[in-house]
Amino acid sequence: MAFIAEMILETRMESLGQPGRPEQSLASHRKIADAIRAQDADGAAEAMLSHIELVSDVELLR
């Protein structure tokens, strides 16, 4: 983790600096957490995949 920590921080800063992105990210994390709390493995996996798709458009990850 130490090796990639700086890269992760850079992508988070870029991503969360986009208009509306903090709200989208928070909603995405809430969906993941809600599915986990409900012990809904399929729902959690689907929510996580959606979140990954959301963050994959960050320029630094291309």
PDB file of N, CA and C in Angstrom:
ATOM      1  N   MET A   1       0.821  -1.202   0.000  1.00  0.00           N
ATOM      2  CA  MET A   1       0.000   0.000   0.000  1.00  0.00           C
ATOM      3  C   MET A   1       0.858   1.257   0.000  1.00  0.00           C
ATOM      4  N   ALA A   2       1.965   1.214   0.725  1.00  0.00           N
ATOM      5  CA  ALA A   2       2.828   2.392   0.781  1.00  0.00           C
ATOM      6  C   ALA A   2       3.296   2.787  -0.615  1.00  0.00           C
ATOM      7  N   PHE A   3       3.544   1.795  -1.460  1.00  0.00           N
ATOM      8  CA  PHE A   3       4.023   2.048  -2.816  1.00  0.00           C
ATOM      9  C   PHE A   3       3.003   2.815  -3.653  1.00  0.00           C
ATOM     10  N   ILE A   4       1.705   2.499  -3.489  1.00  0.00           N
ATOM     11  CA  ILE A   4       0.684   3.133  -4.323  1.00  0.00           C
ATOM     12  C   ILE A   4      -0.083   4.252  -3.618  1.00  0.00           C
ATOM     13  N   ALA A   5       0.220   4.500  -2.351  1.00  0.00           N
ATOM     14  CA  ALA A   5      -0.540   5.487  -1.573  1.00  0.00           C
ATOM     15  C   ALA A   5      -0.548   6.863  -2.224  1.00  0.00           C
ATOM     16  N   GLU A   6       0.577   7.308  -2.736  1.00  0.00           N
ATOM     17  CA  GLU A   6       0.639   8.634  -3.353  1.00  0.00           C
ATOM     18  C   GLU A   6      -0.204   8.681  -4.626  1.00  0.00           C
ATOM     19  N   MET A   7      -0.161   7.613  -5.411  1.00  0.00           N
ATOM     20  CA  MET A   7      -0.976   7.566  -6.635  1.00  0.00           C
ATOM     21  C   MET A   7      -2.458   7.585  -6.297  1.00  0.00           C
ATOM     22  N   ILE A   8      -2.836   6.866  -5.267  1.00  0.00           N
ATOM     23  CA  ILE A   8      -4.236   6.846  -4.846  1.00  0.00           C
ATOM     24  C   ILE A   8      -4.667   8.236  -4.406  1.00  0.00           C
ATOM     25  N   LEU A   9      -3.835   8.903  -3.636  1.00  0.00           N
ATOM     26  CA  LEU A   9      -4.157  10.253  -3.180  1.00  0.00           C
ATOM     27  C   LEU A   9      -4.329  11.197  -4.361  1.00  0.00           C
ATOM     28  N   GLU A  10      -3.451  11.114  -5.345  1.00  0.00           N
ATOM     29  CA  GLU A  10      -3.553  11.978  -6.530  1.00  0.00           C
ATOM     30  C   GLU A  10      -4.865  11.756  -7.267  1.00  0.00           C
ATOM     31  N   THR A  11      -5.248  10.498  -7.462  1.00  0.00           N
ATOM     32  CA  THR A  11      -6.491  10.230  -8.185  1.00  0.00           C
ATOM     33  C   THR A  11      -7.703  10.688  -7.377  1.00  0.00           C
ATOM     34  N   ARG A  12      -7.651  10.528  -6.072  1.00  0.00           N
ATOM     35  CA  ARG A  12      -8.769  11.001  -5.231  1.00  0.00           C
ATOM     36  C   ARG A  12      -8.904  12.516  -5.309  1.00  0.00           C
ATOM     37  N   MET A  13      -7.783  13.202  -5.243  1.00  0.00           N
ATOM     38  CA  MET A  13      -7.821  14.665  -5.292  1.00  0.00           C
ATOM     39  C   MET A  13      -8.386  15.141  -6.636  1.00  0.00           C
ATOM     40  N   GLU A  14      -7.955  14.511  -7.729  1.00  0.00           N
ATOM     41  CA  GLU A  14      -8.472  14.890  -9.043  1.00  0.00           C
ATOM     42  C   GLU A  14      -9.953  14.574  -9.146  1.00  0.00           C
ATOM     43  N   SER A  15     -10.327  13.381  -8.734  1.00  0.00           N
ATOM     44  CA  SER A  15     -11.707  12.945  -8.836  1.00  0.00           C
ATOM     45  C   SER A  15     -12.636  13.825  -8.006  1.00  0.00           C
ATOM     46  N   LEU A  16     -12.273  14.031  -6.747  1.00  0.00           N
ATOM     47  CA  LEU A  16     -13.150  14.791  -5.849  1.00  0.00           C
ATOM     48  C   LEU A  16     -13.154  16.280  -6.152  1.00  0.00           C
ATOM     49  N   GLY A  17     -12.256  16.728  -7.002  1.00  0.00           N
ATOM     50  CA  GLY A  17     -12.243  18.126  -7.418  1.00  0.00           C
ATOM     51  C   GLY A  17     -13.210  18.414  -8.560  1.00  0.00           C
ATOM     52  N   GLN A  18     -13.784  17.372  -9.135  1.00  0.00           N
ATOM     53  CA  GLN A  18     -14.737  17.552 -10.230  1.00  0.00           C
ATOM     54  C   GLN A  18     -16.097  17.955  -9.664  1.00  0.00           C
ATOM     55  N   PRO A  19     -16.775  18.887 -10.329  1.00  0.00           N
ATOM     56  CA  PRO A  19     -18.090  19.329  -9.839  1.00  0.00           C
ATOM     57  C   PRO A  19     -19.065  18.163  -9.680  1.00  0.00           C
ATOM     58  N   GLY A  20     -19.668  18.084  -8.521  1.00  0.00           N
ATOM     59  CA  GLY A  20     -20.662  17.059  -8.236  1.00  0.00           C
ATOM     60  C   GLY A  20     -20.084  15.713  -7.844  1.00  0.00           C
ATOM     61  N   ARG A  21     -18.785  15.536  -8.013  1.00  0.00           N
ATOM     62  CA  ARG A  21     -18.191  14.224  -7.756  1.00  0.00           C
ATOM     63  C   ARG A  21     -18.226  13.830  -6.285  1.00  0.00           C
ATOM     64  N   PRO A  22     -17.963  14.744  -5.341  1.00  0.00           N
ATOM     65  CA  PRO A  22     -18.026  14.302  -3.938  1.00  0.00           C
ATOM     66  C   PRO A  22     -19.395  13.718  -3.562  1.00  0.00           C
ATOM     67  N   GLU A  23     -20.450  14.336  -4.039  1.00  0.00           N
ATOM     68  CA  GLU A  23     -21.796  13.845  -3.739  1.00  0.00           C
ATOM     69  C   GLU A  23     -22.035  12.484  -4.386  1.00  0.00           C
ATOM     70  N   GLN A  24     -21.576  12.326  -5.630  1.00  0.00           N
ATOM     71  CA  GLN A  24     -21.718  11.043  -6.317  1.00  0.00           C
ATOM     72  C   GLN A  24     -20.945   9.953  -5.587  1.00  0.00           C
ATOM     73  N   SER A  25     -19.742  10.279  -5.173  1.00  0.00           N
ATOM     74  CA  SER A  25     -18.897   9.308  -4.490  1.00  0.00           C
ATOM     75  C   SER A  25     -19.510   8.887  -3.158  1.00  0.00           C
ATOM     76  N   LEU A  26     -20.014   9.853  -2.416  1.00  0.00           N
ATOM     77  CA  LEU A  26     -20.643   9.542  -1.133  1.00  0.00           C
ATOM     78  C   LEU A  26     -21.863   8.645  -1.325  1.00  0.00           C
ATOM     79  N   ALA A  27     -22.693   8.972  -2.313  1.00  0.00           N
ATOM     80  CA  ALA A  27     -23.873   8.143  -2.591  1.00  0.00           C
ATOM     81  C   ALA A  27     -23.462   6.735  -2.989  1.00  0.00           C
ATOM     82  N   SER A  28     -22.412   6.636  -3.772  1.00  0.00           N
ATOM     83  CA  SER A  28     -21.908   5.340  -4.212  1.00  0.00           C
ATOM     84  C   SER A  28     -21.423   4.509  -3.030  1.00  0.00           C
ATOM     85  N   HIS A  29     -20.662   5.136  -2.138  1.00  0.00           N
ATOM     86  CA  HIS A  29     -20.179   4.425  -0.954  1.00  0.00           C
ATOM     87  C   HIS A  29     -21.334   4.017  -0.041  1.00  0.00           C
ATOM     88  N   ARG A  30     -22.347   4.851   0.050  1.00  0.00           N
ATOM     89  CA  ARG A  30     -23.510   4.506   0.877  1.00  0.00           C
ATOM     90  C   ARG A  30     -24.234   3.274   0.335  1.00  0.00           C
ATOM     91  N   LYS A  31     -24.363   3.184  -0.990  1.00  0.00           N
ATOM     92  CA  LYS A  31     -25.010   2.017  -1.592  1.00  0.00           C
ATOM     93  C   LYS A  31     -24.233   0.746  -1.274  1.00  0.00           C
ATOM     94  N   ILE A  32     -22.916   0.840  -1.358  1.00  0.00           N
ATOM     95  CA  ILE A  32     -22.080  -0.321  -1.038  1.00  0.00           C
ATOM     96  C   ILE A  32     -22.282  -0.721   0.419  1.00  0.00           C
ATOM     97  N   ALA A  33     -22.191   0.251   1.322  1.00  0.00           N
ATOM     98  CA  ALA A  33     -22.327  -0.025   2.757  1.00  0.00           C
ATOM     99  C   ALA A  33     -23.716  -0.559   3.100  1.00  0.00           C
ATOM    100  N   ASP A  34     -24.744   0.006   2.489  1.00  0.00           N
ATOM    101  CA  ASP A  34     -26.113  -0.456   2.756  1.00  0.00           C
ATOM    102  C   ASP A  34     -26.290  -1.908   2.341  1.00  0.00           C
ATOM    103  N   ALA A  35     -25.744  -2.264   1.188  1.00  0.00           N
ATOM    104  CA  ALA A  35     -25.854  -3.650   0.718  1.00  0.00           C
ATOM    105  C   ALA A  35     -25.096  -4.594   1.644  1.00  0.00           C
ATOM    106  N   ILE A  36     -23.938  -4.170   2.115  1.00  0.00           N
ATOM    107  CA  ILE A  36     -23.169  -5.009   3.043  1.00  0.00           C
ATOM    108  C   ILE A  36     -23.938  -5.196   4.337  1.00  0.00           C
ATOM    109  N   ARG A  37     -24.493  -4.098   4.868  1.00  0.00           N
ATOM    110  CA  ARG A  37     -25.275  -4.197   6.107  1.00  0.00           C
ATOM    111  C   ARG A  37     -26.466  -5.141   5.945  1.00  0.00           C
ATOM    112  N   ALA A  38     -27.057  -5.118   4.757  1.00  0.00           N
ATOM    113  CA  ALA A  38     -28.221  -5.964   4.485  1.00  0.00           C
ATOM    114  C   ALA A  38     -27.806  -7.393   4.128  1.00  0.00           C
ATOM    115  N   GLN A  39     -26.513  -7.661   4.151  1.00  0.00           N
ATOM    116  CA  GLN A  39     -25.957  -8.965   3.798  1.00  0.00           C
ATOM    117  C   GLN A  39     -26.387  -9.385   2.391  1.00  0.00           C
ATOM    118  N   ASP A  40     -26.428  -8.383   1.514  1.00  0.00           N
ATOM    119  CA  ASP A  40     -26.812  -8.587   0.116  1.00  0.00           C
ATOM    120  C   ASP A  40     -25.540  -8.617  -0.728  1.00  0.00           C
ATOM    121  N   ALA A  41     -24.963  -9.799  -0.866  1.00  0.00           N
ATOM    122  CA  ALA A  41     -23.687  -9.936  -1.576  1.00  0.00           C
ATOM    123  C   ALA A  41     -23.802  -9.488  -3.029  1.00  0.00           C
ATOM    124  N   ASP A  42     -24.875  -9.870  -3.695  1.00  0.00           N
ATOM    125  CA  ASP A  42     -25.040  -9.469  -5.093  1.00  0.00           C
ATOM    126  C   ASP A  42     -25.202  -7.958  -5.215  1.00  0.00           C
ATOM    127  N   GLY A  43     -25.982  -7.378  -4.311  1.00  0.00           N
ATOM    128  CA  GLY A  43     -26.168  -5.926  -4.321  1.00  0.00           C
ATOM    129  C   GLY A  43     -24.881  -5.190  -4.027  1.00  0.00           C
ATOM    130  N   ALA A  44     -24.093  -5.719  -3.100  1.00  0.00           N
ATOM    131  CA  ALA A  44     -22.804  -5.097  -2.775  1.00  0.00           C
ATOM    132  C   ALA A  44     -21.854  -5.171  -3.956  1.00  0.00           C
ATOM    133  N   ALA A  45     -21.825  -6.324  -4.612  1.00  0.00           N
ATOM    134  CA  ALA A  45     -20.957  -6.480  -5.786  1.00  0.00           C
ATOM    135  C   ALA A  45     -21.376  -5.540  -6.902  1.00  0.00           C
ATOM    136  N   GLU A  46     -22.669  -5.419  -7.123  1.00  0.00           N
ATOM    137  CA  GLU A  46     -23.182  -4.523  -8.165  1.00  0.00           C
ATOM    138  C   GLU A  46     -22.865  -3.062  -7.829  1.00  0.00           C
ATOM    139  N   ALA A  47     -23.047  -2.687  -6.568  1.00  0.00           N
ATOM    140  CA  ALA A  47     -22.750  -1.319  -6.142  1.00  0.00           C
ATOM    141  C   ALA A  47     -21.263  -1.016  -6.260  1.00  0.00           C
ATOM    142  N   MET A  48     -20.432  -1.999  -5.937  1.00  0.00           N
ATOM    143  CA  MET A  48     -18.989  -1.801  -6.043  1.00  0.00           C
ATOM    144  C   MET A  48     -18.574  -1.655  -7.495  1.00  0.00           C
ATOM    145  N   LEU A  49     -19.133  -2.468  -8.371  1.00  0.00           N
ATOM    146  CA  LEU A  49     -18.831  -2.363  -9.791  1.00  0.00           C
ATOM    147  C   LEU A  49     -19.239  -0.993 -10.330  1.00  0.00           C
ATOM    148  N   SER A  50     -20.399  -0.519  -9.926  1.00  0.00           N
ATOM    149  CA  SER A  50     -20.845   0.813 -10.344  1.00  0.00           C
ATOM    150  C   SER A  50     -19.884   1.884  -9.858  1.00  0.00           C
ATOM    151  N   HIS A  51     -19.411   1.727  -8.637  1.00  0.00           N
ATOM    152  CA  HIS A  51     -18.468   2.697  -8.089  1.00  0.00           C
ATOM    153  C   HIS A  51     -17.154   2.674  -8.867  1.00  0.00           C
ATOM    154  N   ILE A  52     -16.669   1.503  -9.175  1.00  0.00           N
ATOM    155  CA  ILE A  52     -15.427   1.393  -9.949  1.00  0.00           C
ATOM    156  C   ILE A  52     -15.600   2.038 -11.316  1.00  0.00           C
ATOM    157  N   GLU A  53     -16.741   1.831 -11.938  1.00  0.00           N
ATOM    158  CA  GLU A  53     -17.003   2.470 -13.229  1.00  0.00           C
ATOM    159  C   GLU A  53     -17.040   3.990 -13.089  1.00  0.00           C
ATOM    160  N   LEU A  54     -17.601   4.473 -11.986  1.00  0.00           N
ATOM    161  CA  LEU A  54     -17.659   5.913 -11.734  1.00  0.00           C
ATOM    162  C   LEU A  54     -16.259   6.507 -11.621  1.00  0.00           C
ATOM    163  N   VAL A  55     -15.397   5.870 -10.873  1.00  0.00           N
ATOM    164  CA  VAL A  55     -14.066   6.443 -10.643  1.00  0.00           C
ATOM    165  C   VAL A  55     -13.084   6.150 -11.773  1.00  0.00           C
ATOM    166  N   SER A  56     -13.421   5.209 -12.637  1.00  0.00           N
ATOM    167  CA  SER A  56     -12.475   4.851 -13.692  1.00  0.00           C
ATOM    168  C   SER A  56     -12.327   5.925 -14.759  1.00  0.00           C
ATOM    169  N   ASP A  57     -13.176   6.935 -14.726  1.00  0.00           N
ATOM    170  CA  ASP A  57     -13.049   8.001 -15.723  1.00  0.00           C
ATOM    171  C   ASP A  57     -12.101   9.110 -15.286  1.00  0.00           C
ATOM    172  N   VAL A  58     -11.425   8.942 -14.165  1.00  0.00           N
ATOM    173  CA  VAL A  58     -10.447   9.921 -13.704  1.00  0.00           C
ATOM    174  C   VAL A  58      -9.258   9.900 -14.671  1.00  0.00           C
ATOM    175  N   GLU A  59      -8.888  11.047 -15.147  1.00  0.00           N
ATOM    176  CA  GLU A  59      -7.841  11.173 -16.170  1.00  0.00           C
ATOM    177  C   GLU A  59      -6.542  10.473 -15.765  1.00  0.00           C
ATOM    178  N   LEU A  60      -6.151  10.550 -14.506  1.00  0.00           N
ATOM    179  CA  LEU A  60      -4.901   9.941 -14.072  1.00  0.00           C
ATOM    180  C   LEU A  60      -4.910   8.427 -14.188  1.00  0.00           C
ATOM    181  N   LEU A  61      -6.090   7.828 -14.280  1.00  0.00           N
ATOM    182  CA  LEU A  61      -6.176   6.368 -14.363  1.00  0.00           C
ATOM    183  C   LEU A  61      -6.156   5.870 -15.795  1.00  0.00           C
ATOM    184  N   ARG A  62      -6.150   6.780 -16.748  1.00  0.00           N
ATOM    185  CA  ARG A  62      -6.173   6.364 -18.163  1.00  0.00           C
ATOM    186  C   ARG A  62      -4.792   6.125 -18.674  1.00  0.00           C
TER     187      ARG A  62
END
